[in-house]
Amino acid sequence: MTLLRHSFSIRFAPKAPYDFTLTVRKPAGWTLFSSIEAFEKGFLWTAAHIEGILVGMKLSSEGTVDAPQVVAELFTERRMPTRRQKAIGRALRRNIGADDDLGGFYDIARRDDILKHVLDDLYGMHSTSQSTIFPDAALAILLQMAPIKRSNAMIDCFITNYGEMAEFEARRIPSWPLPAQLAGRDPAELAKACKLGYRAKRLVELAKKIDSEGFPDTEELERLAPEESKRLLLGLPGIGPYSADIVDPHGGFPIDVWSADVFGKLFFGEEPKDKRADIECIKTEGLRRWGKWSWMAFLYVVQDLENLSKKLEIKLRLI
């Protein structure tokens, strides 16, 4: 456990529209940094490694969706010089999508027969990211081939047992493990401790590759051409096309058996007869329909499935 004794505050105005609550605590239960965060009365307590430093965070909003203001009180083990404070603040802005312009997405969504139904429910919701690729890649592995209840149990156990615990404001919030902390672990130990099965070996292999090869962080991947970013991600252990679409900061359209069911019904009016065989067809249609906004379209749909089912009078499988 690491006691974070020092703190500093930053305040910034995200690109409107920006709904703080929908962004950091999405309706389908997606969290910001850690599955074990605390969100109470508009305040989010969380922890993550940012700029190579364990940072505890208390985030809140003092603005509105159309005039947003985010306030962040940030906690560190040692006192941070001003330049480090600014670097952490810049990274946090990227993490919470504060500078993303959703104007183009909303333009196509208002004209789209599917997306127009989710805008009222999710207006101002932004996509978020981690500073390094390991948490999202590890998450993708832990979501593979398992019902969501089991995946959540594996994720919580993995973070709690192998992540670094941040203590601040009388709260204890675990962060995702660092690759260096995991690379030397015995996969059999992980598999037994958190019932990870084959995923344990993939997680250790992933940690070793990222730790030993200095894999690009999220910001560096975003500066690459989309094709190069995807190529690098597909070279990571345990990361296939579906997982790469989830992890890639350029965004993708991640279709697996579950999402093939949902988007097959939305695109073609019926459940695919052979979900695995129809994955490529459904993915192609999503990319044709939404182009560079495919990830944002995917995000908005899966966060509003219950309401979308009612509006379209289609029974969509919930997460």
C-alpha atoms as a PDB file:
ATOM      1  CA  MET A   1       0.000   0.000   0.000  1.00  0.00           C
ATOM      2  CA  THR A   2       1.295   3.473  -0.896  1.00  0.00           C
ATOM      3  CA  LEU A   3       0.280   6.449   1.227  1.00  0.00           C
ATOM      4  CA  LEU A   4      -0.261   9.517  -0.977  1.00  0.00           C
ATOM      5  CA  ARG A   5       0.442  12.389   1.422  1.00  0.00           C
ATOM      6  CA  HIS A   6       0.810  15.312  -0.977  1.00  0.00           C
ATOM      7  CA  SER A   7      -1.837  16.912  -3.155  1.00  0.00           C
ATOM      8  CA  PHE A   8      -2.395  19.602  -5.738  1.00  0.00           C
ATOM      9  CA  SER A   9      -5.493  20.765  -7.600  1.00  0.00           C
ATOM     10  CA  ILE A  10      -6.211  21.544 -11.218  1.00  0.00           C
ATOM     11  CA  ARG A  11      -9.307  22.847 -12.945  1.00  0.00           C
ATOM     12  CA  PHE A  12     -10.085  22.755 -16.656  1.00  0.00           C
ATOM     13  CA  ALA A  13     -12.906  23.247 -19.117  1.00  0.00           C
ATOM     14  CA  PRO A  14     -13.536  20.232 -21.401  1.00  0.00           C
ATOM     15  CA  LYS A  15     -14.829  20.637 -24.930  1.00  0.00           C
ATOM     16  CA  ALA A  16     -18.614  21.022 -24.750  1.00  0.00           C
ATOM     17  CA  PRO A  17     -20.913  19.190 -24.696  1.00  0.00           C
ATOM     18  CA  TYR A  18     -19.363  17.222 -21.839  1.00  0.00           C
ATOM     19  CA  ASP A  19     -21.356  15.260 -19.277  1.00  0.00           C
ATOM     20  CA  PHE A  20     -18.973  14.448 -16.430  1.00  0.00           C
ATOM     21  CA  THR A  21     -21.065  11.686 -14.844  1.00  0.00           C
ATOM     22  CA  LEU A  22     -21.830   9.866 -18.108  1.00  0.00           C
ATOM     23  CA  THR A  23     -18.165  10.075 -19.082  1.00  0.00           C
ATOM     24  CA  VAL A  24     -16.509   8.770 -15.907  1.00  0.00           C
ATOM     25  CA  ARG A  25     -19.273   6.363 -14.820  1.00  0.00           C
ATOM     26  CA  LYS A  26     -20.957   5.045 -17.909  1.00  0.00           C
ATOM     27  CA  PRO A  27     -24.520   3.620 -17.733  1.00  0.00           C
ATOM     28  CA  ALA A  28     -23.414   0.051 -18.497  1.00  0.00           C
ATOM     29  CA  GLY A  29     -21.093   0.159 -15.482  1.00  0.00           C
ATOM     30  CA  TRP A  30     -17.848   0.941 -17.328  1.00  0.00           C
ATOM     31  CA  THR A  31     -15.434   2.648 -14.939  1.00  0.00           C
ATOM     32  CA  LEU A  32     -12.736   5.230 -15.645  1.00  0.00           C
ATOM     33  CA  PHE A  33      -9.441   3.704 -14.459  1.00  0.00           C
ATOM     34  CA  SER A  34     -10.093   0.907 -11.972  1.00  0.00           C
ATOM     35  CA  SER A  35     -13.004  -1.471 -11.496  1.00  0.00           C
ATOM     36  CA  ILE A  36     -12.756  -0.685  -7.787  1.00  0.00           C
ATOM     37  CA  GLU A  37     -13.465   3.040  -7.805  1.00  0.00           C
ATOM     38  CA  ALA A  38     -15.798   5.004  -5.555  1.00  0.00           C
ATOM     39  CA  PHE A  39     -18.416   7.299  -7.094  1.00  0.00           C
ATOM     40  CA  GLU A  40     -20.582   9.117  -4.579  1.00  0.00           C
ATOM     41  CA  LYS A  41     -22.702  12.262  -4.859  1.00  0.00           C
ATOM     42  CA  GLY A  42     -20.938  13.442  -8.000  1.00  0.00           C
ATOM     43  CA  PHE A  43     -17.381  12.744  -6.754  1.00  0.00           C
ATOM     44  CA  LEU A  44     -15.133  10.051  -8.208  1.00  0.00           C
ATOM     45  CA  TRP A  45     -12.232   8.633  -6.199  1.00  0.00           C
ATOM     46  CA  THR A  46      -9.861   6.593  -8.320  1.00  0.00           C
ATOM     47  CA  ALA A  47      -6.177   5.802  -8.872  1.00  0.00           C
ATOM     48  CA  ALA A  48      -3.885   5.146 -11.827  1.00  0.00           C
ATOM     49  CA  HIS A  49      -0.292   5.436 -12.948  1.00  0.00           C
ATOM     50  CA  ILE A  50       0.035   8.685 -14.888  1.00  0.00           C
ATOM     51  CA  GLU A  51       3.380   9.881 -16.244  1.00  0.00           C
ATOM     52  CA  GLY A  52       4.940   6.914 -14.431  1.00  0.00           C
ATOM     53  CA  ILE A  53       3.605   8.053 -11.047  1.00  0.00           C
ATOM     54  CA  LEU A  54       0.885   6.518  -8.895  1.00  0.00           C
ATOM     55  CA  VAL A  55      -1.785   9.204  -8.652  1.00  0.00           C
ATOM     56  CA  GLY A  56      -4.864   9.173  -6.450  1.00  0.00           C
ATOM     57  CA  MET A  57      -7.691  11.292  -7.801  1.00  0.00           C
ATOM     58  CA  LYS A  58     -10.795  12.990  -6.520  1.00  0.00           C
ATOM     59  CA  LEU A  59     -12.676  14.265  -9.562  1.00  0.00           C
ATOM     60  CA  SER A  60     -15.870  16.291  -9.753  1.00  0.00           C
ATOM     61  CA  SER A  61     -17.771  18.718 -11.940  1.00  0.00           C
ATOM     62  CA  GLU A  62     -18.646  22.312 -11.118  1.00  0.00           C
ATOM     63  CA  GLY A  63     -20.082  23.119 -14.525  1.00  0.00           C
ATOM     64  CA  THR A  64     -22.880  22.019 -16.834  1.00  0.00           C
ATOM     65  CA  VAL A  65     -22.968  19.850 -19.939  1.00  0.00           C
ATOM     66  CA  ASP A  66     -22.786  22.925 -22.182  1.00  0.00           C
ATOM     67  CA  ALA A  67     -20.376  24.879 -19.968  1.00  0.00           C
ATOM     68  CA  PRO A  68     -18.292  22.121 -18.335  1.00  0.00           C
ATOM     69  CA  GLN A  69     -15.740  22.594 -15.572  1.00  0.00           C
ATOM     70  CA  VAL A  70     -13.850  19.629 -14.108  1.00  0.00           C
ATOM     71  CA  VAL A  71     -12.086  19.937 -10.771  1.00  0.00           C
ATOM     72  CA  ALA A  72      -9.358  17.419  -9.912  1.00  0.00           C
ATOM     73  CA  GLU A  73      -7.604  17.053  -6.579  1.00  0.00           C
ATOM     74  CA  LEU A  74      -4.592  14.839  -7.219  1.00  0.00           C
ATOM     75  CA  PHE A  75      -2.603  12.949  -4.596  1.00  0.00           C
ATOM     76  CA  THR A  76       0.982  11.688  -4.870  1.00  0.00           C
ATOM     77  CA  GLU A  77       3.520  10.015  -2.595  1.00  0.00           C
ATOM     78  CA  ARG A  78       6.010  12.865  -2.998  1.00  0.00           C
ATOM     79  CA  ARG A  79       5.522  16.542  -3.638  1.00  0.00           C
ATOM     80  CA  MET A  80       5.385  17.194  -7.369  1.00  0.00           C
ATOM     81  CA  PRO A  81       7.256  20.118  -8.968  1.00  0.00           C
ATOM     82  CA  THR A  82       5.135  22.428 -11.109  1.00  0.00           C
ATOM     83  CA  ARG A  83       6.280  20.915 -14.404  1.00  0.00           C
ATOM     84  CA  ARG A  84       5.252  17.422 -13.265  1.00  0.00           C
ATOM     85  CA  GLN A  85       1.913  18.724 -12.052  1.00  0.00           C
ATOM     86  CA  LYS A  86       1.276  20.233 -15.491  1.00  0.00           C
ATOM     87  CA  ALA A  87       2.295  16.998 -17.244  1.00  0.00           C
ATOM     88  CA  ILE A  88      -0.058  14.942 -15.056  1.00  0.00           C
ATOM     89  CA  GLY A  89      -2.841  17.454 -15.717  1.00  0.00           C
ATOM     90  CA  ARG A  90      -2.329  17.232 -19.492  1.00  0.00           C
ATOM     91  CA  ALA A  91      -2.389  13.444 -19.364  1.00  0.00           C
ATOM     92  CA  LEU A  92      -5.550  13.436 -17.267  1.00  0.00           C
ATOM     93  CA  ARG A  93      -7.277  15.687 -19.808  1.00  0.00           C
ATOM     94  CA  ARG A  94      -6.487  13.107 -22.501  1.00  0.00           C
ATOM     95  CA  ASN A  95      -7.616  10.241 -20.273  1.00  0.00           C
ATOM     96  CA  ILE A  96     -11.077  11.713 -19.717  1.00  0.00           C
ATOM     97  CA  GLY A  97     -11.537  12.864 -23.323  1.00  0.00           C
ATOM     98  CA  ALA A  98     -11.694  16.517 -22.308  1.00  0.00           C
ATOM     99  CA  ASP A  99     -10.401  17.858 -25.635  1.00  0.00           C
ATOM    100  CA  ASP A 100     -12.318  15.533 -27.951  1.00  0.00           C
ATOM    101  CA  ASP A 101     -14.663  17.314 -30.349  1.00  0.00           C
ATOM    102  CA  LEU A 102     -17.840  15.254 -30.806  1.00  0.00           C
ATOM    103  CA  GLY A 103     -19.425  17.690 -33.277  1.00  0.00           C
ATOM    104  CA  GLY A 104     -18.818  15.453 -36.287  1.00  0.00           C
ATOM    105  CA  PHE A 105     -20.179  12.420 -34.478  1.00  0.00           C
ATOM    106  CA  TYR A 106     -23.359  14.214 -33.465  1.00  0.00           C
ATOM    107  CA  ASP A 107     -23.833  15.452 -37.034  1.00  0.00           C
ATOM    108  CA  ILE A 108     -23.980  11.908 -38.399  1.00  0.00           C
ATOM    109  CA  ALA A 109     -25.817  10.539 -35.357  1.00  0.00           C
ATOM    110  CA  ARG A 110     -28.739  12.933 -35.780  1.00  0.00           C
ATOM    111  CA  ARG A 111     -29.250  11.595 -39.324  1.00  0.00           C
ATOM    112  CA  ASP A 112     -28.728   7.930 -38.463  1.00  0.00           C
ATOM    113  CA  ASP A 113     -31.753   5.664 -37.915  1.00  0.00           C
ATOM    114  CA  ILE A 114     -30.061   3.944 -34.973  1.00  0.00           C
ATOM    115  CA  LEU A 115     -27.897   6.581 -33.314  1.00  0.00           C
ATOM    116  CA  LYS A 116     -30.542   9.311 -33.288  1.00  0.00           C
ATOM    117  CA  HIS A 117     -32.328   7.334 -30.567  1.00  0.00           C
ATOM    118  CA  VAL A 118     -29.390   7.358 -28.123  1.00  0.00           C
ATOM    119  CA  LEU A 119     -28.452  11.037 -28.266  1.00  0.00           C
ATOM    120  CA  ASP A 120     -31.025  12.279 -25.756  1.00  0.00           C
ATOM    121  CA  ASP A 121     -29.942   9.646 -23.227  1.00  0.00           C
ATOM    122  CA  LEU A 122     -26.185  10.043 -23.637  1.00  0.00           C
ATOM    123  CA  TYR A 123     -25.628  13.612 -24.870  1.00  0.00           C
ATOM    124  CA  GLY A 124     -22.202  14.792 -23.716  1.00  0.00           C
ATOM    125  CA  MET A 125     -20.734  11.343 -22.987  1.00  0.00           C
ATOM    126  CA  HIS A 126     -17.062  11.137 -24.052  1.00  0.00           C
ATOM    127  CA  SER A 127     -14.806   8.149 -24.529  1.00  0.00           C
ATOM    128  CA  THR A 128     -11.980   7.698 -21.991  1.00  0.00           C
ATOM    129  CA  SER A 129      -8.613   5.935 -21.987  1.00  0.00           C
ATOM    130  CA  GLN A 130      -5.687   4.840 -19.843  1.00  0.00           C
ATOM    131  CA  SER A 131      -2.259   6.488 -20.105  1.00  0.00           C
ATOM    132  CA  THR A 132      -0.526   3.185 -20.888  1.00  0.00           C
ATOM    133  CA  ILE A 133      -1.715   0.295 -22.990  1.00  0.00           C
ATOM    134  CA  PHE A 134      -1.346  -2.506 -20.422  1.00  0.00           C
ATOM    135  CA  PRO A 135      -4.575  -1.942 -18.425  1.00  0.00           C
ATOM    136  CA  ASP A 136      -6.788  -1.926 -21.531  1.00  0.00           C
ATOM    137  CA  ALA A 137      -4.961  -4.891 -23.081  1.00  0.00           C
ATOM    138  CA  ALA A 138      -5.196  -6.857 -19.821  1.00  0.00           C
ATOM    139  CA  LEU A 139      -8.882  -5.959 -19.570  1.00  0.00           C
ATOM    140  CA  ALA A 140      -9.474  -7.239 -23.097  1.00  0.00           C
ATOM    141  CA  ILE A 141      -7.857 -10.574 -22.166  1.00  0.00           C
ATOM    142  CA  LEU A 142      -9.936 -10.872 -18.995  1.00  0.00           C
ATOM    143  CA  LEU A 143     -13.126 -10.280 -20.996  1.00  0.00           C
ATOM    144  CA  GLN A 144     -12.376 -13.102 -23.434  1.00  0.00           C
ATOM    145  CA  MET A 145     -14.571 -16.196 -23.517  1.00  0.00           C
ATOM    146  CA  ALA A 146     -16.366 -15.562 -20.227  1.00  0.00           C
ATOM    147  CA  PRO A 147     -19.772 -14.263 -19.101  1.00  0.00           C
ATOM    148  CA  ILE A 148     -19.617 -10.715 -17.759  1.00  0.00           C
ATOM    149  CA  LYS A 149     -20.171 -11.806 -14.132  1.00  0.00           C
ATOM    150  CA  ARG A 150     -17.102 -14.043 -14.219  1.00  0.00           C
ATOM    151  CA  SER A 151     -15.024 -11.449 -16.070  1.00  0.00           C
ATOM    152  CA  ASN A 152     -15.860  -8.849 -13.428  1.00  0.00           C
ATOM    153  CA  ALA A 153     -14.811 -11.240 -10.660  1.00  0.00           C
ATOM    154  CA  MET A 154     -11.496 -11.952 -12.407  1.00  0.00           C
ATOM    155  CA  ILE A 155     -10.840  -8.244 -13.006  1.00  0.00           C
ATOM    156  CA  ASP A 156     -11.562  -7.263  -9.389  1.00  0.00           C
ATOM    157  CA  CYS A 157      -9.382 -10.085  -8.031  1.00  0.00           C
ATOM    158  CA  PHE A 158      -6.517  -9.319 -10.429  1.00  0.00           C
ATOM    159  CA  ILE A 159      -6.457  -5.612  -9.595  1.00  0.00           C
ATOM    160  CA  THR A 160      -6.875  -6.100  -5.845  1.00  0.00           C
ATOM    161  CA  ASN A 161      -4.195  -8.785  -5.527  1.00  0.00           C
ATOM    162  CA  TYR A 162      -1.577  -7.529  -7.981  1.00  0.00           C
ATOM    163  CA  GLY A 163      -2.150  -3.789  -8.383  1.00  0.00           C
ATOM    164  CA  GLU A 164      -0.630  -1.050  -6.249  1.00  0.00           C
ATOM    165  CA  MET A 165      -2.976   0.140  -3.498  1.00  0.00           C
ATOM    166  CA  ALA A 166      -3.280   3.925  -3.207  1.00  0.00           C
ATOM    167  CA  GLU A 167      -4.336   5.368   0.150  1.00  0.00           C
ATOM    168  CA  PHE A 168      -5.597   8.952   0.242  1.00  0.00           C
ATOM    169  CA  GLU A 169      -8.476  10.815   1.847  1.00  0.00           C
ATOM    170  CA  ALA A 170      -9.082   7.794   4.106  1.00  0.00           C
ATOM    171  CA  ARG A 171      -9.787   5.664   1.029  1.00  0.00           C
ATOM    172  CA  ARG A 172      -7.927   2.739  -0.456  1.00  0.00           C
ATOM    173  CA  ILE A 173      -8.163   2.399  -4.231  1.00  0.00           C
ATOM    174  CA  PRO A 174      -6.137  -0.228  -6.143  1.00  0.00           C
ATOM    175  CA  SER A 175      -4.642   0.633  -9.510  1.00  0.00           C
ATOM    176  CA  TRP A 176      -4.004  -1.753 -12.377  1.00  0.00           C
ATOM    177  CA  PRO A 177      -0.728  -3.712 -12.000  1.00  0.00           C
ATOM    178  CA  LEU A 178       2.309  -2.419 -13.854  1.00  0.00           C
ATOM    179  CA  PRO A 179       3.864  -4.776 -16.433  1.00  0.00           C
ATOM    180  CA  ALA A 180       7.146  -4.805 -14.486  1.00  0.00           C
ATOM    181  CA  GLN A 181       5.303  -5.984 -11.368  1.00  0.00           C
ATOM    182  CA  LEU A 182       3.673  -8.853 -13.243  1.00  0.00           C
ATOM    183  CA  ALA A 183       6.381  -9.975 -15.661  1.00  0.00           C
ATOM    184  CA  GLY A 184       8.150 -12.185 -13.127  1.00  0.00           C
ATOM    185  CA  ARG A 185       5.031 -13.875 -11.777  1.00  0.00           C
ATOM    186  CA  ASP A 186       4.283 -17.556 -12.173  1.00  0.00           C
ATOM    187  CA  PRO A 187       1.179 -17.881 -14.396  1.00  0.00           C
ATOM    188  CA  ALA A 188       0.042 -20.856 -12.309  1.00  0.00           C
ATOM    189  CA  GLU A 189      -0.037 -18.606  -9.248  1.00  0.00           C
ATOM    190  CA  LEU A 190      -2.242 -16.049 -11.012  1.00  0.00           C
ATOM    191  CA  ALA A 191      -4.492 -18.733 -12.437  1.00  0.00           C
ATOM    192  CA  LYS A 192      -5.089 -20.220  -8.997  1.00  0.00           C
ATOM    193  CA  ALA A 193      -5.443 -16.941  -7.084  1.00  0.00           C
ATOM    194  CA  CYS A 194      -8.050 -15.385  -9.382  1.00  0.00           C
ATOM    195  CA  LYS A 195      -9.350 -18.378 -11.370  1.00  0.00           C
ATOM    196  CA  LEU A 196      -7.976 -16.911 -14.583  1.00  0.00           C
ATOM    197  CA  GLY A 197      -7.454 -20.164 -16.480  1.00  0.00           C
ATOM    198  CA  TYR A 198      -5.482 -19.777 -19.722  1.00  0.00           C
ATOM    199  CA  ARG A 199      -5.678 -15.979 -19.361  1.00  0.00           C
ATOM    200  CA  ALA A 200      -3.001 -16.025 -16.640  1.00  0.00           C
ATOM    201  CA  LYS A 201      -0.304 -17.150 -19.073  1.00  0.00           C
ATOM    202  CA  ARG A 202      -1.385 -14.552 -21.619  1.00  0.00           C
ATOM    203  CA  LEU A 203      -1.284 -11.782 -19.014  1.00  0.00           C
ATOM    204  CA  VAL A 204       2.250 -12.671 -17.920  1.00  0.00           C
ATOM    205  CA  GLU A 205       3.402 -12.925 -21.550  1.00  0.00           C
ATOM    206  CA  LEU A 206       1.770  -9.558 -22.275  1.00  0.00           C
ATOM    207  CA  ALA A 207       3.498  -7.968 -19.270  1.00  0.00           C
ATOM    208  CA  LYS A 208       6.892  -9.401 -20.298  1.00  0.00           C
ATOM    209  CA  LYS A 209       6.616  -8.126 -23.860  1.00  0.00           C
ATOM    210  CA  ILE A 210       5.525  -4.615 -22.867  1.00  0.00           C
ATOM    211  CA  ASP A 211       8.092  -4.391 -20.065  1.00  0.00           C
ATOM    212  CA  SER A 212      11.031  -5.697 -22.089  1.00  0.00           C
ATOM    213  CA  GLU A 213      10.336  -3.991 -25.414  1.00  0.00           C
ATOM    214  CA  GLY A 214       9.161  -0.569 -24.245  1.00  0.00           C
ATOM    215  CA  PHE A 215       5.844  -0.747 -26.076  1.00  0.00           C
ATOM    216  CA  PRO A 216       4.390   2.677 -27.073  1.00  0.00           C
ATOM    217  CA  ASP A 217       2.001   4.306 -24.624  1.00  0.00           C
ATOM    218  CA  THR A 218      -1.514   5.364 -25.599  1.00  0.00           C
ATOM    219  CA  GLU A 219      -0.499   8.840 -26.758  1.00  0.00           C
ATOM    220  CA  GLU A 220       2.350   7.460 -28.887  1.00  0.00           C
ATOM    221  CA  LEU A 221       0.041   4.906 -30.534  1.00  0.00           C
ATOM    222  CA  GLU A 222      -2.415   7.676 -31.337  1.00  0.00           C
ATOM    223  CA  ARG A 223       0.303   9.573 -33.209  1.00  0.00           C
ATOM    224  CA  LEU A 224       0.969   6.563 -35.439  1.00  0.00           C
ATOM    225  CA  ALA A 225      -0.994   5.795 -38.588  1.00  0.00           C
ATOM    226  CA  PRO A 226      -4.041   3.652 -37.692  1.00  0.00           C
ATOM    227  CA  GLU A 227      -2.669   0.721 -39.695  1.00  0.00           C
ATOM    228  CA  GLU A 228       0.650   0.789 -37.830  1.00  0.00           C
ATOM    229  CA  SER A 229      -1.033   1.105 -34.435  1.00  0.00           C
ATOM    230  CA  LYS A 230      -3.236  -1.897 -35.227  1.00  0.00           C
ATOM    231  CA  ARG A 231      -0.240  -3.920 -36.452  1.00  0.00           C
ATOM    232  CA  LEU A 232       1.647  -3.320 -33.208  1.00  0.00           C
ATOM    233  CA  LEU A 233      -1.345  -4.228 -31.068  1.00  0.00           C
ATOM    234  CA  LEU A 234      -1.915  -7.468 -32.968  1.00  0.00           C
ATOM    235  CA  GLY A 235       1.668  -8.410 -32.123  1.00  0.00           C
ATOM    236  CA  LEU A 236       0.872  -8.460 -28.398  1.00  0.00           C
ATOM    237  CA  PRO A 237       0.204 -11.828 -26.701  1.00  0.00           C
ATOM    238  CA  GLY A 238      -3.492 -12.533 -26.307  1.00  0.00           C
ATOM    239  CA  ILE A 239      -4.605  -9.640 -28.525  1.00  0.00           C
ATOM    240  CA  GLY A 240      -6.586 -10.544 -31.642  1.00  0.00           C
ATOM    241  CA  PRO A 241      -8.657  -8.318 -33.972  1.00  0.00           C
ATOM    242  CA  TYR A 242     -11.571  -7.945 -31.523  1.00  0.00           C
ATOM    243  CA  SER A 243      -9.344  -7.026 -28.570  1.00  0.00           C
ATOM    244  CA  ALA A 244      -7.233  -4.707 -30.734  1.00  0.00           C
ATOM    245  CA  ASP A 245     -10.372  -2.779 -31.706  1.00  0.00           C
ATOM    246  CA  ILE A 246     -11.094  -2.242 -28.001  1.00  0.00           C
ATOM    247  CA  VAL A 247      -7.549  -1.196 -27.097  1.00  0.00           C
ATOM    248  CA  ASP A 248      -6.595   0.895 -30.146  1.00  0.00           C
ATOM    249  CA  PRO A 249      -6.698   4.649 -29.341  1.00  0.00           C
ATOM    250  CA  HIS A 250      -7.674   5.271 -32.977  1.00  0.00           C
ATOM    251  CA  GLY A 251     -10.920   3.430 -32.244  1.00  0.00           C
ATOM    252  CA  GLY A 252     -12.347   0.400 -33.960  1.00  0.00           C
ATOM    253  CA  PHE A 253     -15.595  -1.501 -34.298  1.00  0.00           C
ATOM    254  CA  PRO A 254     -15.176  -4.509 -31.959  1.00  0.00           C
ATOM    255  CA  ILE A 255     -17.480  -7.301 -33.065  1.00  0.00           C
ATOM    256  CA  ASP A 256     -17.511 -10.669 -31.308  1.00  0.00           C
ATOM    257  CA  VAL A 257     -20.296 -13.208 -30.786  1.00  0.00           C
ATOM    258  CA  TRP A 258     -22.136 -10.998 -28.268  1.00  0.00           C
ATOM    259  CA  SER A 259     -21.896  -7.753 -30.250  1.00  0.00           C
ATOM    260  CA  ALA A 260     -22.687  -9.614 -33.496  1.00  0.00           C
ATOM    261  CA  ASP A 261     -26.065 -10.470 -31.938  1.00  0.00           C
ATOM    262  CA  VAL A 262     -26.767  -6.816 -31.059  1.00  0.00           C
ATOM    263  CA  PHE A 263     -25.545  -5.152 -34.231  1.00  0.00           C
ATOM    264  CA  GLY A 264     -26.845  -7.910 -36.505  1.00  0.00           C
ATOM    265  CA  LYS A 265     -30.356  -7.130 -35.261  1.00  0.00           C
ATOM    266  CA  LEU A 266     -29.790  -3.370 -35.543  1.00  0.00           C
ATOM    267  CA  PHE A 267     -28.369  -3.515 -39.082  1.00  0.00           C
ATOM    268  CA  PHE A 268     -30.362  -6.337 -40.648  1.00  0.00           C
ATOM    269  CA  GLY A 269     -33.439  -6.707 -38.442  1.00  0.00           C
ATOM    270  CA  GLU A 270     -32.733 -10.206 -37.229  1.00  0.00           C
ATOM    271  CA  GLU A 271     -30.338 -12.234 -35.100  1.00  0.00           C
ATOM    272  CA  PRO A 272     -27.486 -13.710 -37.173  1.00  0.00           C
ATOM    273  CA  LYS A 273     -27.979 -17.415 -37.837  1.00  0.00           C
ATOM    274  CA  ASP A 274     -24.263 -18.081 -37.405  1.00  0.00           C
ATOM    275  CA  LYS A 275     -22.790 -15.313 -35.277  1.00  0.00           C
ATOM    276  CA  ARG A 276     -19.147 -16.294 -35.798  1.00  0.00           C
ATOM    277  CA  ALA A 277     -19.529 -16.607 -39.545  1.00  0.00           C
ATOM    278  CA  ASP A 278     -21.332 -13.251 -39.752  1.00  0.00           C
ATOM    279  CA  ILE A 279     -18.843 -11.230 -37.676  1.00  0.00           C
ATOM    280  CA  GLU A 280     -16.951  -9.845 -40.689  1.00  0.00           C
ATOM    281  CA  CYS A 281     -20.151  -8.936 -42.530  1.00  0.00           C
ATOM    282  CA  ILE A 282     -21.495  -7.042 -39.502  1.00  0.00           C
ATOM    283  CA  LYS A 283     -18.170  -5.320 -38.869  1.00  0.00           C
ATOM    284  CA  THR A 284     -17.955  -4.249 -42.509  1.00  0.00           C
ATOM    285  CA  GLU A 285     -21.440  -2.735 -42.331  1.00  0.00           C
ATOM    286  CA  GLY A 286     -20.618  -0.799 -39.152  1.00  0.00           C
ATOM    287  CA  LEU A 287     -17.448   0.645 -40.648  1.00  0.00           C
ATOM    288  CA  ARG A 288     -19.274   1.509 -43.893  1.00  0.00           C
ATOM    289  CA  ARG A 289     -22.083   3.185 -42.003  1.00  0.00           C
ATOM    290  CA  TRP A 290     -20.112   5.127 -39.388  1.00  0.00           C
ATOM    291  CA  GLY A 291     -16.549   5.363 -40.728  1.00  0.00           C
ATOM    292  CA  LYS A 292     -14.123   7.090 -38.368  1.00  0.00           C
ATOM    293  CA  TRP A 293     -16.907   7.419 -35.790  1.00  0.00           C
ATOM    294  CA  SER A 294     -17.440   3.642 -35.564  1.00  0.00           C
ATOM    295  CA  TRP A 295     -15.953   3.322 -32.077  1.00  0.00           C
ATOM    296  CA  MET A 296     -18.034   6.199 -30.727  1.00  0.00           C
ATOM    297  CA  ALA A 297     -21.147   4.699 -32.334  1.00  0.00           C
ATOM    298  CA  PHE A 298     -20.342   1.317 -30.752  1.00  0.00           C
ATOM    299  CA  LEU A 299     -19.815   2.985 -27.369  1.00  0.00           C
ATOM    300  CA  TYR A 300     -23.091   4.910 -27.489  1.00  0.00           C
ATOM    301  CA  VAL A 301     -25.115   1.874 -28.558  1.00  0.00           C
ATOM    302  CA  VAL A 302     -23.779  -0.507 -25.897  1.00  0.00           C
ATOM    303  CA  GLN A 303     -24.295   2.091 -23.161  1.00  0.00           C
ATOM    304  CA  ASP A 304     -27.965   2.529 -24.055  1.00  0.00           C
ATOM    305  CA  LEU A 305     -29.178  -0.955 -24.975  1.00  0.00           C
ATOM    306  CA  GLU A 306     -32.207  -1.064 -22.693  1.00  0.00           C
ATOM    307  CA  ASN A 307     -33.595   2.277 -23.858  1.00  0.00           C
ATOM    308  CA  LEU A 308     -32.704   1.529 -27.483  1.00  0.00           C
ATOM    309  CA  SER A 309     -34.575  -1.777 -27.280  1.00  0.00           C
ATOM    310  CA  LYS A 310     -37.713   0.036 -26.170  1.00  0.00           C
ATOM    311  CA  LYS A 311     -37.455   2.801 -28.756  1.00  0.00           C
ATOM    312  CA  LEU A 312     -36.844   0.432 -31.682  1.00  0.00           C
ATOM    313  CA  GLU A 313     -39.074  -2.329 -30.286  1.00  0.00           C
ATOM    314  CA  ILE A 314     -36.255  -4.833 -30.769  1.00  0.00           C
ATOM    315  CA  LYS A 315     -35.116  -7.141 -27.986  1.00  0.00           C
ATOM    316  CA  LEU A 316     -31.396  -6.466 -27.729  1.00  0.00           C
ATOM    317  CA  ARG A 317     -29.150  -8.631 -25.591  1.00  0.00           C
ATOM    318  CA  LEU A 318     -27.874  -6.631 -22.629  1.00  0.00           C
ATOM    319  CA  ILE A 319     -24.273  -6.687 -21.372  1.00  0.00           C
END
